[in-house]
Amino acid sequence: MKREKKKEYHRIECSWGCLNRSFSIGENVDADKIEATYDNGVLKIP
């Protein structure tokens, strides 16, 4: 189990099983203009 505590957040993850994450974007967002990068397990959406 990985535990990480920082001033801005607290995260705990287990290292077994399958893990999926998802999120929703607002209805007024133009999907053709979305930009994101994924590097070393980190998704960045400016």
PDB file of N, CA and C in Angstrom:
ATOM      1  N   MET A   1       0.850  -1.171   0.000  1.00  0.00           N
ATOM      2  CA  MET A   1       0.000   0.000   0.000  1.00  0.00           C
ATOM      3  C   MET A   1       0.897   1.236   0.000  1.00  0.00           C
ATOM      4  N   LYS A   2       0.568   2.188  -0.833  1.00  0.00           N
ATOM      5  CA  LYS A   2       1.342   3.417  -0.920  1.00  0.00           C
ATOM      6  C   LYS A   2       0.572   4.544  -0.244  1.00  0.00           C
ATOM      7  N   ARG A   3       1.232   5.246   0.647  1.00  0.00           N
ATOM      8  CA  ARG A   3       0.622   6.393   1.315  1.00  0.00           C
ATOM      9  C   ARG A   3       1.461   7.623   1.016  1.00  0.00           C
ATOM     10  N   GLU A   4       0.788   8.702   0.723  1.00  0.00           N
ATOM     11  CA  GLU A   4       1.487   9.939   0.421  1.00  0.00           C
ATOM     12  C   GLU A   4       0.709  11.088   1.035  1.00  0.00           C
ATOM     13  N   LYS A   5       1.367  11.849   1.870  1.00  0.00           N
ATOM     14  CA  LYS A   5       0.728  13.011   2.495  1.00  0.00           C
ATOM     15  C   LYS A   5       1.515  14.255   2.134  1.00  0.00           C
ATOM     16  N   LYS A   6       0.824  15.218   1.609  1.00  0.00           N
ATOM     17  CA  LYS A   6       1.425  16.520   1.319  1.00  0.00           C
ATOM     18  C   LYS A   6       0.462  17.583   1.808  1.00  0.00           C
ATOM     19  N   LYS A   7       0.919  18.790   1.812  1.00  0.00           N
ATOM     20  CA  LYS A   7       0.106  19.890   2.320  1.00  0.00           C
ATOM     21  C   LYS A   7      -1.205  20.044   1.545  1.00  0.00           C
ATOM     22  N   GLU A   8      -1.175  19.826   0.249  1.00  0.00           N
ATOM     23  CA  GLU A   8      -2.346  20.056  -0.595  1.00  0.00           C
ATOM     24  C   GLU A   8      -3.271  18.849  -0.737  1.00  0.00           C
ATOM     25  N   TYR A   9      -2.768  17.631  -0.473  1.00  0.00           N
ATOM     26  CA  TYR A   9      -3.594  16.448  -0.697  1.00  0.00           C
ATOM     27  C   TYR A   9      -3.119  15.269   0.132  1.00  0.00           C
ATOM     28  N   HIS A  10      -3.950  14.249   0.199  1.00  0.00           N
ATOM     29  CA  HIS A  10      -3.628  12.989   0.888  1.00  0.00           C
ATOM     30  C   HIS A  10      -4.097  11.871  -0.030  1.00  0.00           C
ATOM     31  N   ARG A  11      -3.201  10.949  -0.383  1.00  0.00           N
ATOM     32  CA  ARG A  11      -3.538   9.883  -1.329  1.00  0.00           C
ATOM     33  C   ARG A  11      -3.093   8.545  -0.763  1.00  0.00           C
ATOM     34  N   ILE A  12      -3.971   7.545  -0.893  1.00  0.00           N
ATOM     35  CA  ILE A  12      -3.635   6.173  -0.520  1.00  0.00           C
ATOM     36  C   ILE A  12      -4.062   5.269  -1.674  1.00  0.00           C
ATOM     37  N   GLU A  13      -3.146   4.417  -2.139  1.00  0.00           N
ATOM     38  CA  GLU A  13      -3.471   3.473  -3.203  1.00  0.00           C
ATOM     39  C   GLU A  13      -2.997   2.085  -2.811  1.00  0.00           C
ATOM     40  N   CYS A  14      -3.729   1.083  -3.228  1.00  0.00           N
ATOM     41  CA  CYS A  14      -3.351  -0.312  -3.008  1.00  0.00           C
ATOM     42  C   CYS A  14      -2.767  -0.857  -4.300  1.00  0.00           C
ATOM     43  N   SER A  15      -1.820  -1.765  -4.195  1.00  0.00           N
ATOM     44  CA  SER A  15      -1.104  -2.237  -5.382  1.00  0.00           C
ATOM     45  C   SER A  15      -1.638  -3.550  -5.941  1.00  0.00           C
ATOM     46  N   TRP A  16      -2.874  -3.910  -5.672  1.00  0.00           N
ATOM     47  CA  TRP A  16      -3.417  -5.140  -6.226  1.00  0.00           C
ATOM     48  C   TRP A  16      -4.746  -4.834  -6.925  1.00  0.00           C
ATOM     49  N   GLY A  17      -5.114  -5.690  -7.852  1.00  0.00           N
ATOM     50  CA  GLY A  17      -6.365  -5.510  -8.579  1.00  0.00           C
ATOM     51  C   GLY A  17      -6.236  -4.504  -9.712  1.00  0.00           C
ATOM     52  N   CYS A  18      -7.342  -4.273 -10.353  1.00  0.00           N
ATOM     53  CA  CYS A  18      -7.406  -3.359 -11.485  1.00  0.00           C
ATOM     54  C   CYS A  18      -7.893  -1.996 -10.998  1.00  0.00           C
ATOM     55  N   LEU A  19      -7.327  -0.937 -11.524  1.00  0.00           N
ATOM     56  CA  LEU A  19      -7.686   0.415 -11.115  1.00  0.00           C
ATOM     57  C   LEU A  19      -8.027   1.243 -12.339  1.00  0.00           C
ATOM     58  N   ASN A  20      -9.160   1.868 -12.317  1.00  0.00           N
ATOM     59  CA  ASN A  20      -9.576   2.798 -13.363  1.00  0.00           C
ATOM     60  C   ASN A  20      -9.969   4.102 -12.714  1.00  0.00           C
ATOM     61  N   ARG A  21      -9.641   5.188 -13.364  1.00  0.00           N
ATOM     62  CA  ARG A  21     -10.064   6.507 -12.897  1.00  0.00           C
ATOM     63  C   ARG A  21     -10.772   7.196 -14.048  1.00  0.00           C
ATOM     64  N   SER A  22     -11.768   7.972 -13.711  1.00  0.00           N
ATOM     65  CA  SER A  22     -12.470   8.734 -14.740  1.00  0.00           C
ATOM     66  C   SER A  22     -12.953  10.040 -14.140  1.00  0.00           C
ATOM     67  N   PHE A  23     -13.275  10.982 -15.005  1.00  0.00           N
ATOM     68  CA  PHE A  23     -13.820  12.254 -14.566  1.00  0.00           C
ATOM     69  C   PHE A  23     -14.703  12.793 -15.671  1.00  0.00           C
ATOM     70  N   SER A  24     -15.562  13.709 -15.331  1.00  0.00           N
ATOM     71  CA  SER A  24     -16.484  14.315 -16.297  1.00  0.00           C
ATOM     72  C   SER A  24     -16.059  15.752 -16.563  1.00  0.00           C
ATOM     73  N   ILE A  25     -16.337  16.188 -17.770  1.00  0.00           N
ATOM     74  CA  ILE A  25     -16.103  17.590 -18.110  1.00  0.00           C
ATOM     75  C   ILE A  25     -17.456  18.246 -18.319  1.00  0.00           C
ATOM     76  N   GLY A  26     -17.489  19.542 -18.198  1.00  0.00           N
ATOM     77  CA  GLY A  26     -18.750  20.272 -18.322  1.00  0.00           C
ATOM     78  C   GLY A  26     -19.348  20.187 -19.718  1.00  0.00           C
ATOM     79  N   GLU A  27     -20.642  20.377 -19.796  1.00  0.00           N
ATOM     80  CA  GLU A  27     -21.340  20.307 -21.085  1.00  0.00           C
ATOM     81  C   GLU A  27     -20.936  21.433 -22.023  1.00  0.00           C
ATOM     82  N   ASN A  28     -20.480  22.549 -21.480  1.00  0.00           N
ATOM     83  CA  ASN A  28     -20.135  23.696 -22.328  1.00  0.00           C
ATOM     84  C   ASN A  28     -18.683  23.655 -22.822  1.00  0.00           C
ATOM     85  N   VAL A  29     -17.981  22.538 -22.637  1.00  0.00           N
ATOM     86  CA  VAL A  29     -16.593  22.397 -23.074  1.00  0.00           C
ATOM     87  C   VAL A  29     -16.555  21.922 -24.517  1.00  0.00           C
ATOM     88  N   ASP A  30     -15.723  22.573 -25.325  1.00  0.00           N
ATOM     89  CA  ASP A  30     -15.548  22.172 -26.726  1.00  0.00           C
ATOM     90  C   ASP A  30     -14.527  21.031 -26.768  1.00  0.00           C
ATOM     91  N   ALA A  31     -14.982  19.813 -26.986  1.00  0.00           N
ATOM     92  CA  ALA A  31     -14.121  18.629 -26.950  1.00  0.00           C
ATOM     93  C   ALA A  31     -12.980  18.706 -27.958  1.00  0.00           C
ATOM     94  N   ASP A  32     -13.151  19.431 -29.057  1.00  0.00           N
ATOM     95  CA  ASP A  32     -12.097  19.549 -30.059  1.00  0.00           C
ATOM     96  C   ASP A  32     -10.945  20.434 -29.590  1.00  0.00           C
ATOM     97  N   LYS A  33     -11.144  21.197 -28.529  1.00  0.00           N
ATOM     98  CA  LYS A  33     -10.108  22.106 -28.051  1.00  0.00           C
ATOM     99  C   LYS A  33      -9.447  21.619 -26.754  1.00  0.00           C
ATOM    100  N   ILE A  34      -9.779  20.419 -26.303  1.00  0.00           N
ATOM    101  CA  ILE A  34      -9.185  19.880 -25.086  1.00  0.00           C
ATOM    102  C   ILE A  34      -7.751  19.445 -25.369  1.00  0.00           C
ATOM    103  N   GLU A  35      -6.829  19.823 -24.478  1.00  0.00           N
ATOM    104  CA  GLU A  35      -5.436  19.411 -24.577  1.00  0.00           C
ATOM    105  C   GLU A  35      -5.031  18.769 -23.264  1.00  0.00           C
ATOM    106  N   ALA A  36      -4.210  17.738 -23.345  1.00  0.00           N
ATOM    107  CA  ALA A  36      -3.721  17.071 -22.136  1.00  0.00           C
ATOM    108  C   ALA A  36      -2.427  16.348 -22.456  1.00  0.00           C
ATOM    109  N   THR A  37      -1.627  16.120 -21.417  1.00  0.00           N
ATOM    110  CA  THR A  37      -0.418  15.320 -21.550  1.00  0.00           C
ATOM    111  C   THR A  37      -0.439  14.243 -20.471  1.00  0.00           C
ATOM    112  N   TYR A  38       0.177  13.121 -20.755  1.00  0.00           N
ATOM    113  CA  TYR A  38       0.263  12.012 -19.807  1.00  0.00           C
ATOM    114  C   TYR A  38       1.716  11.587 -19.750  1.00  0.00           C
ATOM    115  N   ASP A  39       2.335  11.688 -18.582  1.00  0.00           N
ATOM    116  CA  ASP A  39       3.745  11.350 -18.443  1.00  0.00           C
ATOM    117  C   ASP A  39       3.986  10.695 -17.091  1.00  0.00           C
ATOM    118  N   ASN A  40       4.526   9.498 -17.110  1.00  0.00           N
ATOM    119  CA  ASN A  40       4.900   8.782 -15.893  1.00  0.00           C
ATOM    120  C   ASN A  40       3.736   8.669 -14.903  1.00  0.00           C
ATOM    121  N   GLY A  41       2.568   8.352 -15.436  1.00  0.00           N
ATOM    122  CA  GLY A  41       1.400   8.153 -14.579  1.00  0.00           C
ATOM    123  C   GLY A  41       0.659   9.400 -14.186  1.00  0.00           C
ATOM    124  N   VAL A  42       1.063  10.566 -14.717  1.00  0.00           N
ATOM    125  CA  VAL A  42       0.421  11.830 -14.353  1.00  0.00           C
ATOM    126  C   VAL A  42      -0.266  12.417 -15.571  1.00  0.00           C
ATOM    127  N   LEU A  43      -1.574  12.658 -15.451  1.00  0.00           N
ATOM    128  CA  LEU A  43      -2.344  13.301 -16.513  1.00  0.00           C
ATOM    129  C   LEU A  43      -2.441  14.780 -16.176  1.00  0.00           C
ATOM    130  N   LYS A  44      -1.993  15.632 -17.112  1.00  0.00           N
ATOM    131  CA  LYS A  44      -2.066  17.080 -16.902  1.00  0.00           C
ATOM    132  C   LYS A  44      -3.009  17.688 -17.928  1.00  0.00           C
ATOM    133  N   ILE A  45      -3.968  18.439 -17.419  1.00  0.00           N
ATOM    134  CA  ILE A  45      -4.921  19.146 -18.277  1.00  0.00           C
ATOM    135  C   ILE A  45      -4.804  20.627 -17.941  1.00  0.00           C
ATOM    136  N   PRO A  46      -4.187  21.416 -18.819  1.00  0.00           N
ATOM    137  CA  PRO A  46      -3.970  22.837 -18.498  1.00  0.00           C
ATOM    138  C   PRO A  46      -5.253  23.624 -18.431  1.00  0.00           C
TER     139      PRO A  46
END
